[in-house]
Amino acid sequence: MKSLLTTLLLTVVCGPHNCPPANSRTILTTARLSTTQLTKTEPGQETSITEANWQQHPKIISIRKIVNSVDAGVRRGIFKTSQKRFEDCEGGYETYRRMAVDRKGVVRRYEMQGGTEDHLLTYRHYYDEAGRIRFVYIIGGAANGTRIQHRIYFDENGHRIWEAHKNVEGQGYPGFSNFPDDELSISKPTEDFAAASQCKEIKPKPKRRVRRT
């Protein structure tokens, strides 16, 4: 377990948008687009998102700005943050849940981590000022030495517009490249944070009151 958490910490250092090591293998996969793809056929229209342009595409750049703004807000402590931690339990485990809420009561970032004895995944969801999911960053590590990064970008209507999967290290692991919507728990983060877990929550110890004489 300690080695796996160390693997994930090394992955986090790369960050949601930074490049992996030079010797890493990158696999880019297009999202299942549910909206009409844009083409170059009409003046004024944006081009489609492709493997060649996705990192500089205006839609991706606008989402990246939201992500950077939220992360900066968390670092500066302008959001109200809440956290739950859990004990290991049989058949799998959930390590923690974290939620950052802005002054209007809108969840801007929701993070959760869990897995089994042989792998661990961390999901970080980002929301815009209207509370709409715009980006999910997933990092993972497995006992076979695999480390992955997975990015999912969403438009204002909650449709996936692009996905990028990176095998940062290792030969891969089953389930580390496909993340269906029902696994992301993105629609109601407040309810997800409050929901009961299969693992026992670790309650913070109450602070001892110091008696003055």
N, C-alpha and C. Protein backbone atom coordinates (compact mmCIF):
# COMPACT_ATOMS: atom_id res chain seq x y z
N MET A 1 0.83 -1.22 0.00
CA MET A 1 0.00 0.00 0.00
C MET A 1 0.86 1.26 0.00
N LYS A 2 1.97 1.24 0.81
CA LYS A 2 2.82 2.42 0.86
C LYS A 2 3.47 2.68 -0.49
N SER A 3 3.92 1.59 -1.17
CA SER A 3 4.57 1.78 -2.46
C SER A 3 3.60 2.32 -3.48
N LEU A 4 2.33 1.90 -3.40
CA LEU A 4 1.33 2.37 -4.35
C LEU A 4 1.01 3.84 -4.15
N LEU A 5 0.91 4.27 -2.88
CA LEU A 5 0.67 5.68 -2.61
C LEU A 5 1.86 6.51 -3.06
N THR A 6 3.08 5.97 -2.90
CA THR A 6 4.26 6.69 -3.38
C THR A 6 4.21 6.88 -4.88
N THR A 7 3.73 5.83 -5.58
CA THR A 7 3.59 5.93 -7.04
C THR A 7 2.64 7.03 -7.42
N LEU A 8 1.52 7.14 -6.70
CA LEU A 8 0.55 8.17 -7.02
C LEU A 8 1.09 9.56 -6.73
N LEU A 9 1.85 9.70 -5.64
CA LEU A 9 2.42 11.00 -5.33
C LEU A 9 3.36 11.46 -6.43
N LEU A 10 4.10 10.53 -7.01
CA LEU A 10 4.97 10.88 -8.12
C LEU A 10 4.16 11.33 -9.32
N THR A 11 2.98 10.71 -9.51
CA THR A 11 2.12 11.08 -10.64
C THR A 11 1.52 12.45 -10.45
N VAL A 12 1.14 12.78 -9.21
CA VAL A 12 0.50 14.06 -8.96
C VAL A 12 1.42 15.22 -9.29
N VAL A 13 2.72 15.01 -9.09
CA VAL A 13 3.67 16.09 -9.34
C VAL A 13 3.56 16.62 -10.76
N CYS A 14 3.20 15.76 -11.72
CA CYS A 14 3.10 16.18 -13.11
C CYS A 14 1.96 17.17 -13.30
N GLY A 15 0.88 17.05 -12.49
CA GLY A 15 -0.22 18.00 -12.57
C GLY A 15 -1.17 17.69 -13.70
N PRO A 16 -2.37 18.33 -13.69
CA PRO A 16 -3.39 18.05 -14.68
C PRO A 16 -2.97 18.35 -16.11
N HIS A 17 -2.10 19.33 -16.32
CA HIS A 17 -1.83 19.75 -17.69
C HIS A 17 -0.37 19.66 -18.10
N ASN A 18 0.53 19.30 -17.19
CA ASN A 18 1.93 19.20 -17.56
C ASN A 18 2.20 17.91 -18.30
N CYS A 19 3.29 17.86 -19.03
CA CYS A 19 3.64 16.69 -19.83
C CYS A 19 4.25 15.62 -18.95
N PRO A 20 4.13 14.33 -19.32
CA PRO A 20 4.76 13.24 -18.59
C PRO A 20 6.23 13.18 -18.94
N PRO A 21 6.99 12.28 -18.30
CA PRO A 21 8.41 12.16 -18.62
C PRO A 21 8.64 11.89 -20.10
N ALA A 22 9.84 12.22 -20.57
CA ALA A 22 10.12 12.13 -21.99
C ALA A 22 9.99 10.72 -22.52
N ASN A 23 10.24 9.71 -21.66
CA ASN A 23 10.19 8.33 -22.13
C ASN A 23 8.82 7.70 -21.95
N SER A 24 7.80 8.49 -21.61
CA SER A 24 6.47 7.94 -21.39
C SER A 24 5.79 7.69 -22.73
N ARG A 25 4.78 6.81 -22.70
CA ARG A 25 4.02 6.49 -23.89
C ARG A 25 2.66 7.17 -23.80
N THR A 26 2.29 7.94 -24.79
CA THR A 26 1.04 8.69 -24.77
C THR A 26 0.03 8.09 -25.72
N ILE A 27 -1.18 7.88 -25.23
CA ILE A 27 -2.26 7.38 -26.06
C ILE A 27 -3.38 8.41 -26.00
N LEU A 28 -3.77 8.96 -27.12
CA LEU A 28 -4.85 9.93 -27.17
C LEU A 28 -6.08 9.28 -27.76
N THR A 29 -7.19 9.43 -27.09
CA THR A 29 -8.42 8.86 -27.61
C THR A 29 -9.47 9.94 -27.68
N THR A 30 -10.24 9.98 -28.76
CA THR A 30 -11.29 10.98 -28.89
C THR A 30 -12.46 10.63 -28.00
N ALA A 31 -13.17 11.66 -27.56
CA ALA A 31 -14.34 11.45 -26.72
C ALA A 31 -15.49 10.94 -27.58
N ARG A 32 -16.49 10.37 -26.91
CA ARG A 32 -17.71 10.00 -27.61
C ARG A 32 -18.53 11.29 -27.77
N LEU A 33 -18.43 11.95 -28.91
CA LEU A 33 -19.06 13.24 -29.10
C LEU A 33 -20.56 13.08 -29.28
N SER A 34 -21.32 13.79 -28.48
CA SER A 34 -22.77 13.74 -28.61
C SER A 34 -23.32 15.01 -29.26
N THR A 35 -22.41 15.95 -29.59
CA THR A 35 -22.83 17.16 -30.28
C THR A 35 -22.27 17.16 -31.69
N THR A 36 -22.78 18.01 -32.56
CA THR A 36 -22.33 18.08 -33.94
C THR A 36 -20.89 18.56 -33.99
N GLN A 37 -20.04 17.83 -34.71
CA GLN A 37 -18.66 18.25 -34.81
C GLN A 37 -18.55 19.46 -35.72
N LEU A 38 -17.70 20.41 -35.32
CA LEU A 38 -17.49 21.60 -36.11
C LEU A 38 -16.47 21.34 -37.20
N THR A 39 -16.63 21.97 -38.33
CA THR A 39 -15.72 21.77 -39.44
C THR A 39 -15.22 23.11 -39.94
N LYS A 40 -14.37 23.10 -40.96
CA LYS A 40 -13.84 24.31 -41.55
C LYS A 40 -14.66 24.79 -42.73
N THR A 41 -15.81 24.21 -42.95
CA THR A 41 -16.55 24.48 -44.17
C THR A 41 -17.21 25.84 -44.19
N GLU A 42 -17.50 26.42 -43.03
CA GLU A 42 -18.18 27.71 -42.99
C GLU A 42 -17.33 28.74 -42.27
N PRO A 43 -17.26 29.96 -42.80
CA PRO A 43 -16.44 31.00 -42.16
C PRO A 43 -16.91 31.27 -40.73
N GLY A 44 -15.96 31.47 -39.83
CA GLY A 44 -16.30 31.81 -38.45
C GLY A 44 -16.46 30.62 -37.53
N GLN A 45 -16.57 29.43 -38.11
CA GLN A 45 -16.71 28.25 -37.27
C GLN A 45 -15.35 27.79 -36.75
N GLU A 46 -15.37 27.20 -35.57
CA GLU A 46 -14.15 26.63 -35.03
C GLU A 46 -13.89 25.28 -35.68
N THR A 47 -12.64 24.89 -35.71
CA THR A 47 -12.30 23.58 -36.24
C THR A 47 -12.63 22.51 -35.21
N SER A 48 -12.74 21.27 -35.69
CA SER A 48 -12.96 20.15 -34.79
C SER A 48 -11.74 19.95 -33.90
N ILE A 49 -11.97 19.35 -32.75
CA ILE A 49 -10.87 19.01 -31.86
C ILE A 49 -10.24 17.72 -32.36
N THR A 50 -8.95 17.74 -32.57
CA THR A 50 -8.22 16.59 -33.10
C THR A 50 -6.99 16.30 -32.25
N GLU A 51 -6.35 15.17 -32.53
CA GLU A 51 -5.12 14.83 -31.81
C GLU A 51 -4.03 15.87 -32.06
N ALA A 52 -4.07 16.51 -33.22
CA ALA A 52 -3.04 17.47 -33.57
C ALA A 52 -3.23 18.83 -32.89
N ASN A 53 -4.51 19.22 -32.63
CA ASN A 53 -4.75 20.59 -32.15
C ASN A 53 -5.38 20.68 -30.77
N TRP A 54 -5.65 19.54 -30.12
CA TRP A 54 -6.49 19.59 -28.93
C TRP A 54 -5.89 20.44 -27.81
N GLN A 55 -4.58 20.40 -27.64
CA GLN A 55 -3.98 21.14 -26.53
C GLN A 55 -4.09 22.65 -26.72
N GLN A 56 -4.21 23.12 -27.97
CA GLN A 56 -4.32 24.55 -28.25
C GLN A 56 -5.70 24.94 -28.75
N HIS A 57 -6.64 24.03 -28.73
CA HIS A 57 -7.99 24.34 -29.22
C HIS A 57 -8.68 25.30 -28.25
N PRO A 58 -9.41 26.32 -28.79
CA PRO A 58 -10.06 27.30 -27.90
C PRO A 58 -10.95 26.69 -26.84
N LYS A 59 -11.68 25.63 -27.14
CA LYS A 59 -12.56 25.01 -26.14
C LYS A 59 -11.77 24.39 -25.01
N ILE A 60 -10.65 23.77 -25.34
CA ILE A 60 -9.81 23.16 -24.31
C ILE A 60 -9.12 24.23 -23.48
N ILE A 61 -8.66 25.29 -24.14
CA ILE A 61 -8.00 26.39 -23.43
C ILE A 61 -8.95 27.04 -22.43
N SER A 62 -10.22 27.22 -22.82
CA SER A 62 -11.19 27.85 -21.92
C SER A 62 -11.44 26.97 -20.70
N ILE A 63 -11.47 25.66 -20.89
CA ILE A 63 -11.65 24.74 -19.76
C ILE A 63 -10.41 24.75 -18.87
N ARG A 64 -9.23 24.81 -19.50
CA ARG A 64 -7.99 24.86 -18.73
C ARG A 64 -7.95 26.09 -17.83
N LYS A 65 -8.48 27.21 -18.32
CA LYS A 65 -8.51 28.43 -17.51
C LYS A 65 -9.38 28.24 -16.27
N ILE A 66 -10.50 27.53 -16.43
CA ILE A 66 -11.37 27.24 -15.29
C ILE A 66 -10.62 26.39 -14.26
N VAL A 67 -9.93 25.35 -14.75
CA VAL A 67 -9.20 24.46 -13.87
C VAL A 67 -8.11 25.22 -13.11
N ASN A 68 -7.35 26.03 -13.83
CA ASN A 68 -6.27 26.79 -13.18
C ASN A 68 -6.81 27.76 -12.15
N SER A 69 -7.96 28.38 -12.46
CA SER A 69 -8.57 29.33 -11.54
C SER A 69 -9.04 28.63 -10.26
N VAL A 70 -9.65 27.47 -10.42
CA VAL A 70 -10.12 26.71 -9.26
C VAL A 70 -8.95 26.26 -8.40
N ASP A 71 -7.92 25.73 -9.04
CA ASP A 71 -6.75 25.28 -8.28
C ASP A 71 -6.11 26.45 -7.51
N ALA A 72 -6.05 27.61 -8.16
CA ALA A 72 -5.48 28.78 -7.50
C ALA A 72 -6.34 29.18 -6.30
N GLY A 73 -7.66 29.10 -6.46
CA GLY A 73 -8.56 29.42 -5.37
C GLY A 73 -8.40 28.49 -4.19
N VAL A 74 -8.19 27.20 -4.47
CA VAL A 74 -7.96 26.23 -3.40
C VAL A 74 -6.66 26.54 -2.68
N ARG A 75 -5.60 26.85 -3.44
CA ARG A 75 -4.31 27.16 -2.81
C ARG A 75 -4.39 28.39 -1.93
N ARG A 76 -5.16 29.39 -2.38
CA ARG A 76 -5.26 30.64 -1.62
C ARG A 76 -6.26 30.55 -0.47
N GLY A 77 -6.99 29.47 -0.42
CA GLY A 77 -7.93 29.27 0.68
C GLY A 77 -9.20 30.09 0.58
N ILE A 78 -9.61 30.47 -0.66
CA ILE A 78 -10.82 31.28 -0.80
C ILE A 78 -12.08 30.43 -0.85
N PHE A 79 -11.92 29.10 -0.96
CA PHE A 79 -13.07 28.20 -0.96
C PHE A 79 -13.21 27.52 0.40
N LYS A 80 -14.43 27.19 0.75
CA LYS A 80 -14.66 26.41 1.95
C LYS A 80 -14.40 24.94 1.62
N THR A 81 -13.50 24.32 2.34
CA THR A 81 -13.13 22.94 2.04
C THR A 81 -13.61 21.99 3.13
N SER A 82 -14.00 20.80 2.70
CA SER A 82 -14.43 19.75 3.61
C SER A 82 -13.75 18.46 3.21
N GLN A 83 -13.51 17.59 4.18
CA GLN A 83 -12.81 16.34 3.89
C GLN A 83 -13.32 15.22 4.77
N LYS A 84 -13.36 14.02 4.19
CA LYS A 84 -13.66 12.81 4.94
C LYS A 84 -12.57 11.78 4.62
N ARG A 85 -12.13 11.04 5.65
CA ARG A 85 -11.17 9.96 5.45
C ARG A 85 -11.78 8.65 5.92
N PHE A 86 -11.33 7.55 5.31
CA PHE A 86 -11.95 6.26 5.59
C PHE A 86 -10.89 5.20 5.87
N GLU A 87 -11.28 4.21 6.66
CA GLU A 87 -10.42 3.08 6.95
C GLU A 87 -10.46 2.08 5.79
N ASP A 88 -9.42 1.24 5.66
CA ASP A 88 -9.46 0.16 4.69
C ASP A 88 -10.56 -0.81 5.07
N CYS A 89 -11.22 -1.40 4.07
CA CYS A 89 -12.25 -2.38 4.37
C CYS A 89 -12.22 -3.50 3.33
N GLU A 90 -12.83 -4.61 3.66
CA GLU A 90 -12.77 -5.81 2.82
C GLU A 90 -13.47 -5.57 1.48
N GLY A 91 -12.87 -6.09 0.42
CA GLY A 91 -13.47 -6.00 -0.91
C GLY A 91 -13.20 -4.70 -1.62
N GLY A 92 -12.31 -3.89 -1.09
CA GLY A 92 -12.03 -2.60 -1.69
C GLY A 92 -11.96 -1.54 -0.61
N TYR A 93 -11.57 -0.37 -0.98
CA TYR A 93 -11.49 0.66 0.04
C TYR A 93 -11.64 2.04 -0.59
N GLU A 94 -12.05 2.98 0.25
CA GLU A 94 -12.14 4.38 -0.12
C GLU A 94 -11.24 5.14 0.83
N THR A 95 -10.30 5.89 0.29
CA THR A 95 -9.32 6.57 1.14
C THR A 95 -9.85 7.89 1.66
N TYR A 96 -10.36 8.74 0.75
CA TYR A 96 -10.85 10.05 1.19
C TYR A 96 -11.81 10.66 0.18
N ARG A 97 -12.53 11.69 0.61
CA ARG A 97 -13.33 12.58 -0.24
C ARG A 97 -13.00 14.01 0.18
N ARG A 98 -12.83 14.89 -0.81
CA ARG A 98 -12.57 16.30 -0.53
C ARG A 98 -13.45 17.16 -1.42
N MET A 99 -13.95 18.26 -0.86
CA MET A 99 -14.85 19.13 -1.60
C MET A 99 -14.49 20.59 -1.32
N ALA A 100 -14.45 21.39 -2.38
CA ALA A 100 -14.19 22.83 -2.26
C ALA A 100 -15.38 23.59 -2.80
N VAL A 101 -15.94 24.49 -1.98
CA VAL A 101 -17.17 25.21 -2.32
C VAL A 101 -16.90 26.72 -2.31
N ASP A 102 -17.41 27.43 -3.32
CA ASP A 102 -17.16 28.87 -3.38
C ASP A 102 -18.13 29.64 -2.48
N ARG A 103 -18.03 30.97 -2.50
CA ARG A 103 -18.83 31.80 -1.59
C ARG A 103 -20.32 31.76 -1.91
N LYS A 104 -20.67 31.34 -3.12
CA LYS A 104 -22.07 31.23 -3.51
C LYS A 104 -22.65 29.85 -3.21
N GLY A 105 -21.83 28.97 -2.63
CA GLY A 105 -22.29 27.63 -2.29
C GLY A 105 -22.17 26.63 -3.43
N VAL A 106 -21.43 27.00 -4.48
CA VAL A 106 -21.26 26.12 -5.64
C VAL A 106 -20.00 25.28 -5.47
N VAL A 107 -20.13 23.98 -5.65
CA VAL A 107 -18.96 23.10 -5.59
C VAL A 107 -18.10 23.37 -6.82
N ARG A 108 -16.82 23.67 -6.60
CA ARG A 108 -15.91 23.96 -7.70
C ARG A 108 -14.90 22.84 -7.94
N ARG A 109 -14.62 22.06 -6.89
CA ARG A 109 -13.73 20.91 -7.07
C ARG A 109 -14.16 19.81 -6.10
N TYR A 110 -14.23 18.60 -6.62
CA TYR A 110 -14.59 17.45 -5.79
C TYR A 110 -13.62 16.32 -6.11
N GLU A 111 -12.98 15.80 -5.08
CA GLU A 111 -11.95 14.79 -5.26
C GLU A 111 -12.24 13.58 -4.40
N MET A 112 -11.99 12.40 -4.95
CA MET A 112 -12.15 11.18 -4.17
C MET A 112 -11.12 10.16 -4.61
N GLN A 113 -10.76 9.29 -3.69
CA GLN A 113 -9.72 8.30 -3.97
C GLN A 113 -10.14 6.95 -3.41
N GLY A 114 -9.84 5.90 -4.14
CA GLY A 114 -10.17 4.56 -3.68
C GLY A 114 -9.65 3.51 -4.63
N GLY A 115 -9.84 2.24 -4.28
CA GLY A 115 -9.38 1.16 -5.13
C GLY A 115 -9.45 -0.16 -4.42
N THR A 116 -8.50 -1.04 -4.72
CA THR A 116 -8.42 -2.35 -4.10
C THR A 116 -6.98 -2.59 -3.67
N GLU A 117 -6.67 -3.85 -3.33
CA GLU A 117 -5.32 -4.16 -2.87
C GLU A 117 -4.28 -3.98 -3.97
N ASP A 118 -4.69 -4.07 -5.25
CA ASP A 118 -3.69 -4.02 -6.32
C ASP A 118 -3.75 -2.77 -7.18
N HIS A 119 -4.63 -1.83 -6.87
CA HIS A 119 -4.63 -0.57 -7.63
C HIS A 119 -5.30 0.53 -6.83
N LEU A 120 -5.02 1.77 -7.21
CA LEU A 120 -5.59 2.94 -6.54
C LEU A 120 -5.85 4.02 -7.58
N LEU A 121 -7.03 4.64 -7.52
CA LEU A 121 -7.40 5.70 -8.45
C LEU A 121 -7.82 6.95 -7.69
N THR A 122 -7.43 8.10 -8.20
CA THR A 122 -7.85 9.39 -7.66
C THR A 122 -8.61 10.14 -8.75
N TYR A 123 -9.84 10.57 -8.44
CA TYR A 123 -10.68 11.32 -9.37
C TYR A 123 -10.78 12.76 -8.86
N ARG A 124 -10.48 13.72 -9.73
CA ARG A 124 -10.62 15.13 -9.36
C ARG A 124 -11.54 15.81 -10.38
N HIS A 125 -12.72 16.25 -9.90
CA HIS A 125 -13.72 16.85 -10.76
C HIS A 125 -13.70 18.37 -10.60
N TYR A 126 -13.79 19.08 -11.72
CA TYR A 126 -13.80 20.54 -11.72
C TYR A 126 -15.12 21.06 -12.28
N TYR A 127 -15.66 22.11 -11.63
CA TYR A 127 -16.93 22.69 -12.02
C TYR A 127 -16.77 24.19 -12.27
N ASP A 128 -17.58 24.72 -13.20
CA ASP A 128 -17.54 26.16 -13.45
C ASP A 128 -18.40 26.91 -12.44
N GLU A 129 -18.53 28.23 -12.61
CA GLU A 129 -19.25 29.04 -11.63
C GLU A 129 -20.74 28.69 -11.56
N ALA A 130 -21.26 28.06 -12.61
CA ALA A 130 -22.66 27.63 -12.62
C ALA A 130 -22.83 26.23 -12.06
N GLY A 131 -21.74 25.61 -11.60
CA GLY A 131 -21.82 24.27 -11.03
C GLY A 131 -21.84 23.16 -12.06
N ARG A 132 -21.45 23.46 -13.30
CA ARG A 132 -21.46 22.46 -14.36
C ARG A 132 -20.10 21.78 -14.45
N ILE A 133 -20.11 20.45 -14.57
CA ILE A 133 -18.85 19.73 -14.70
C ILE A 133 -18.16 20.13 -16.00
N ARG A 134 -16.85 20.44 -15.90
CA ARG A 134 -16.12 20.86 -17.10
C ARG A 134 -14.86 20.01 -17.33
N PHE A 135 -14.36 19.38 -16.28
CA PHE A 135 -13.12 18.63 -16.45
C PHE A 135 -12.99 17.59 -15.35
N VAL A 136 -12.50 16.41 -15.71
CA VAL A 136 -12.18 15.38 -14.72
C VAL A 136 -10.75 14.91 -14.99
N TYR A 137 -9.95 14.93 -13.94
CA TYR A 137 -8.55 14.49 -14.02
C TYR A 137 -8.42 13.25 -13.16
N ILE A 138 -8.00 12.15 -13.77
CA ILE A 138 -7.89 10.86 -13.07
C ILE A 138 -6.45 10.41 -13.11
N ILE A 139 -5.90 10.06 -11.95
CA ILE A 139 -4.57 9.48 -11.89
C ILE A 139 -4.68 8.13 -11.21
N GLY A 140 -3.81 7.21 -11.57
CA GLY A 140 -3.90 5.89 -10.99
C GLY A 140 -2.57 5.18 -10.96
N GLY A 141 -2.46 4.24 -10.06
CA GLY A 141 -1.29 3.39 -9.96
C GLY A 141 -1.72 1.97 -9.65
N ALA A 142 -0.98 1.00 -10.18
CA ALA A 142 -1.31 -0.41 -9.96
C ALA A 142 -0.07 -1.16 -9.47
N ALA A 143 -0.32 -2.32 -8.88
CA ALA A 143 0.76 -3.11 -8.31
C ALA A 143 1.72 -3.62 -9.37
N ASN A 144 1.31 -3.68 -10.63
CA ASN A 144 2.20 -4.14 -11.70
C ASN A 144 3.11 -3.04 -12.23
N GLY A 145 3.12 -1.87 -11.57
CA GLY A 145 4.00 -0.78 -11.96
C GLY A 145 3.38 0.22 -12.91
N THR A 146 2.12 0.02 -13.27
CA THR A 146 1.45 0.94 -14.19
C THR A 146 1.09 2.24 -13.49
N ARG A 147 1.33 3.37 -14.16
CA ARG A 147 0.85 4.68 -13.71
C ARG A 147 0.17 5.34 -14.89
N ILE A 148 -1.01 5.91 -14.65
CA ILE A 148 -1.77 6.52 -15.74
C ILE A 148 -2.23 7.92 -15.37
N GLN A 149 -2.53 8.71 -16.40
CA GLN A 149 -3.22 9.99 -16.27
C GLN A 149 -4.33 9.97 -17.32
N HIS A 150 -5.51 10.38 -16.92
CA HIS A 150 -6.65 10.40 -17.83
C HIS A 150 -7.38 11.73 -17.67
N ARG A 151 -7.60 12.42 -18.77
CA ARG A 151 -8.27 13.72 -18.76
C ARG A 151 -9.56 13.65 -19.57
N ILE A 152 -10.64 14.20 -19.02
CA ILE A 152 -11.92 14.24 -19.72
C ILE A 152 -12.43 15.68 -19.70
N TYR A 153 -12.70 16.22 -20.88
CA TYR A 153 -13.16 17.60 -21.02
C TYR A 153 -14.65 17.60 -21.39
N PHE A 154 -15.42 18.53 -20.77
CA PHE A 154 -16.86 18.61 -20.99
C PHE A 154 -17.24 20.01 -21.46
N ASP A 155 -18.28 20.08 -22.31
CA ASP A 155 -18.80 21.39 -22.69
C ASP A 155 -19.82 21.86 -21.66
N GLU A 156 -20.47 23.00 -21.92
CA GLU A 156 -21.41 23.59 -20.96
C GLU A 156 -22.63 22.71 -20.72
N ASN A 157 -22.90 21.78 -21.63
CA ASN A 157 -24.07 20.90 -21.50
C ASN A 157 -23.72 19.55 -20.88
N GLY A 158 -22.47 19.41 -20.42
CA GLY A 158 -22.07 18.17 -19.78
C GLY A 158 -21.69 17.06 -20.73
N HIS A 159 -21.49 17.39 -22.02
CA HIS A 159 -21.09 16.38 -23.00
C HIS A 159 -19.57 16.30 -23.09
N ARG A 160 -19.05 15.11 -23.17
CA ARG A 160 -17.61 14.93 -23.34
C ARG A 160 -17.21 15.43 -24.73
N ILE A 161 -16.22 16.29 -24.78
CA ILE A 161 -15.75 16.78 -26.07
C ILE A 161 -14.36 16.27 -26.40
N TRP A 162 -13.64 15.79 -25.39
CA TRP A 162 -12.32 15.21 -25.65
C TRP A 162 -11.84 14.41 -24.46
N GLU A 163 -11.09 13.35 -24.74
CA GLU A 163 -10.44 12.56 -23.70
C GLU A 163 -8.99 12.31 -24.10
N ALA A 164 -8.10 12.35 -23.15
CA ALA A 164 -6.69 12.05 -23.40
C ALA A 164 -6.21 11.09 -22.33
N HIS A 165 -5.70 9.95 -22.75
CA HIS A 165 -5.22 8.93 -21.82
C HIS A 165 -3.72 8.77 -21.99
N LYS A 166 -2.99 8.75 -20.88
CA LYS A 166 -1.53 8.60 -20.93
C LYS A 166 -1.11 7.44 -20.04
N ASN A 167 -0.41 6.48 -20.63
CA ASN A 167 0.28 5.47 -19.85
C ASN A 167 1.63 6.06 -19.49
N VAL A 168 1.74 6.63 -18.31
CA VAL A 168 2.97 7.28 -17.91
C VAL A 168 4.07 6.25 -17.68
N GLU A 169 3.68 5.09 -17.18
CA GLU A 169 4.66 4.04 -16.89
C GLU A 169 3.95 2.71 -16.83
N GLY A 170 4.64 1.64 -17.21
CA GLY A 170 4.10 0.30 -17.08
C GLY A 170 3.35 -0.17 -18.30
N GLN A 171 2.87 -1.42 -18.23
CA GLN A 171 2.26 -2.08 -19.36
C GLN A 171 0.75 -1.88 -19.44
N GLY A 172 0.17 -1.19 -18.49
CA GLY A 172 -1.27 -0.99 -18.49
C GLY A 172 -1.95 -1.85 -17.45
N TYR A 173 -3.23 -1.54 -17.23
CA TYR A 173 -4.00 -2.26 -16.21
C TYR A 173 -5.46 -2.25 -16.64
N PRO A 174 -6.18 -3.37 -16.52
CA PRO A 174 -7.59 -3.42 -16.96
C PRO A 174 -8.43 -2.34 -16.27
N GLY A 175 -9.22 -1.61 -17.06
CA GLY A 175 -10.09 -0.58 -16.50
C GLY A 175 -9.43 0.77 -16.34
N PHE A 176 -8.17 0.90 -16.72
CA PHE A 176 -7.46 2.16 -16.54
C PHE A 176 -7.56 3.09 -17.75
N SER A 177 -8.39 2.76 -18.73
CA SER A 177 -8.52 3.64 -19.89
C SER A 177 -9.96 3.94 -20.25
N ASN A 178 -10.92 3.31 -19.59
CA ASN A 178 -12.33 3.52 -19.89
C ASN A 178 -13.08 3.91 -18.63
N PHE A 179 -13.65 5.11 -18.63
CA PHE A 179 -14.34 5.62 -17.45
C PHE A 179 -15.76 6.06 -17.84
N PRO A 180 -16.74 5.16 -17.73
CA PRO A 180 -18.13 5.51 -18.06
C PRO A 180 -18.65 6.60 -17.14
N ASP A 181 -19.69 7.31 -17.60
CA ASP A 181 -20.25 8.41 -16.82
C ASP A 181 -20.69 7.97 -15.43
N ASP A 182 -21.25 6.75 -15.32
CA ASP A 182 -21.78 6.34 -14.03
C ASP A 182 -20.68 6.02 -13.02
N GLU A 183 -19.41 6.04 -13.45
CA GLU A 183 -18.31 5.83 -12.51
C GLU A 183 -17.72 7.15 -12.01
N LEU A 184 -18.15 8.27 -12.62
CA LEU A 184 -17.51 9.54 -12.29
C LEU A 184 -18.18 10.26 -11.13
N SER A 185 -19.42 9.92 -10.80
CA SER A 185 -20.13 10.56 -9.69
C SER A 185 -20.05 12.08 -9.80
N ILE A 186 -20.41 12.63 -10.96
CA ILE A 186 -20.16 14.05 -11.20
C ILE A 186 -21.40 14.91 -11.11
N SER A 187 -22.58 14.33 -11.17
CA SER A 187 -23.78 15.15 -11.29
C SER A 187 -24.15 15.88 -10.00
N LYS A 188 -23.97 15.22 -8.85
CA LYS A 188 -24.36 15.82 -7.58
C LYS A 188 -23.25 15.60 -6.56
N PRO A 189 -22.18 16.38 -6.64
CA PRO A 189 -21.04 16.16 -5.74
C PRO A 189 -21.37 16.33 -4.27
N THR A 190 -22.28 17.26 -3.94
CA THR A 190 -22.64 17.45 -2.53
C THR A 190 -23.27 16.20 -1.95
N GLU A 191 -24.18 15.58 -2.73
CA GLU A 191 -24.82 14.35 -2.27
C GLU A 191 -23.81 13.20 -2.20
N ASP A 192 -22.91 13.14 -3.16
CA ASP A 192 -21.90 12.09 -3.15
C ASP A 192 -20.99 12.22 -1.93
N PHE A 193 -20.64 13.45 -1.60
CA PHE A 193 -19.79 13.69 -0.44
C PHE A 193 -20.48 13.24 0.85
N ALA A 194 -21.80 13.47 0.93
CA ALA A 194 -22.55 13.16 2.14
C ALA A 194 -22.97 11.69 2.24
N ALA A 195 -22.92 10.96 1.13
CA ALA A 195 -23.41 9.58 1.10
C ALA A 195 -22.56 8.67 1.99
N ALA A 196 -23.21 7.61 2.49
CA ALA A 196 -22.50 6.64 3.31
C ALA A 196 -21.49 5.88 2.46
N SER A 197 -20.39 5.45 3.09
CA SER A 197 -19.35 4.68 2.42
C SER A 197 -19.37 3.26 2.93
N GLN A 198 -18.89 2.32 2.07
CA GLN A 198 -18.78 0.94 2.53
C GLN A 198 -17.66 0.79 3.55
N CYS A 199 -16.77 1.77 3.61
CA CYS A 199 -15.68 1.74 4.58
C CYS A 199 -15.99 2.70 5.74
N LYS A 200 -15.53 2.36 6.91
CA LYS A 200 -15.79 3.17 8.10
C LYS A 200 -15.06 4.50 8.02
N GLU A 201 -15.78 5.58 8.29
CA GLU A 201 -15.17 6.90 8.28
C GLU A 201 -14.29 7.09 9.51
N ILE A 202 -13.15 7.71 9.29
CA ILE A 202 -12.25 8.03 10.40
C ILE A 202 -12.63 9.41 10.92
N LYS A 203 -13.23 9.45 12.07
CA LYS A 203 -13.67 10.71 12.64
C LYS A 203 -12.47 11.44 13.27
N PRO A 204 -12.39 12.75 13.05
CA PRO A 204 -11.29 13.50 13.69
C PRO A 204 -11.45 13.48 15.20
N LYS A 205 -10.34 13.37 15.87
CA LYS A 205 -10.38 13.34 17.32
C LYS A 205 -10.71 14.73 17.86
N PRO A 206 -11.62 14.81 18.84
CA PRO A 206 -11.96 16.13 19.40
C PRO A 206 -10.77 16.75 20.11
N LYS A 207 -10.66 18.03 19.99
CA LYS A 207 -9.56 18.73 20.65
C LYS A 207 -9.78 18.75 22.15
N ARG A 208 -8.73 18.48 22.88
CA ARG A 208 -8.81 18.48 24.34
C ARG A 208 -8.79 19.90 24.86
N ARG A 209 -9.70 20.17 25.72
CA ARG A 209 -9.78 21.52 26.32
C ARG A 209 -8.75 21.61 27.44
N VAL A 210 -8.00 22.68 27.42
CA VAL A 210 -6.97 22.89 28.44
C VAL A 210 -7.59 23.70 29.58
N ARG A 211 -7.54 23.11 30.76
CA ARG A 211 -8.10 23.79 31.92
C ARG A 211 -7.09 24.80 32.45
N ARG A 212 -7.59 26.00 32.62
CA ARG A 212 -6.74 27.06 33.17
C ARG A 212 -6.93 27.15 34.67
N THR A 213 -5.82 27.32 35.38
CA THR A 213 -5.92 27.40 36.85
C THR A 213 -5.57 28.81 37.30
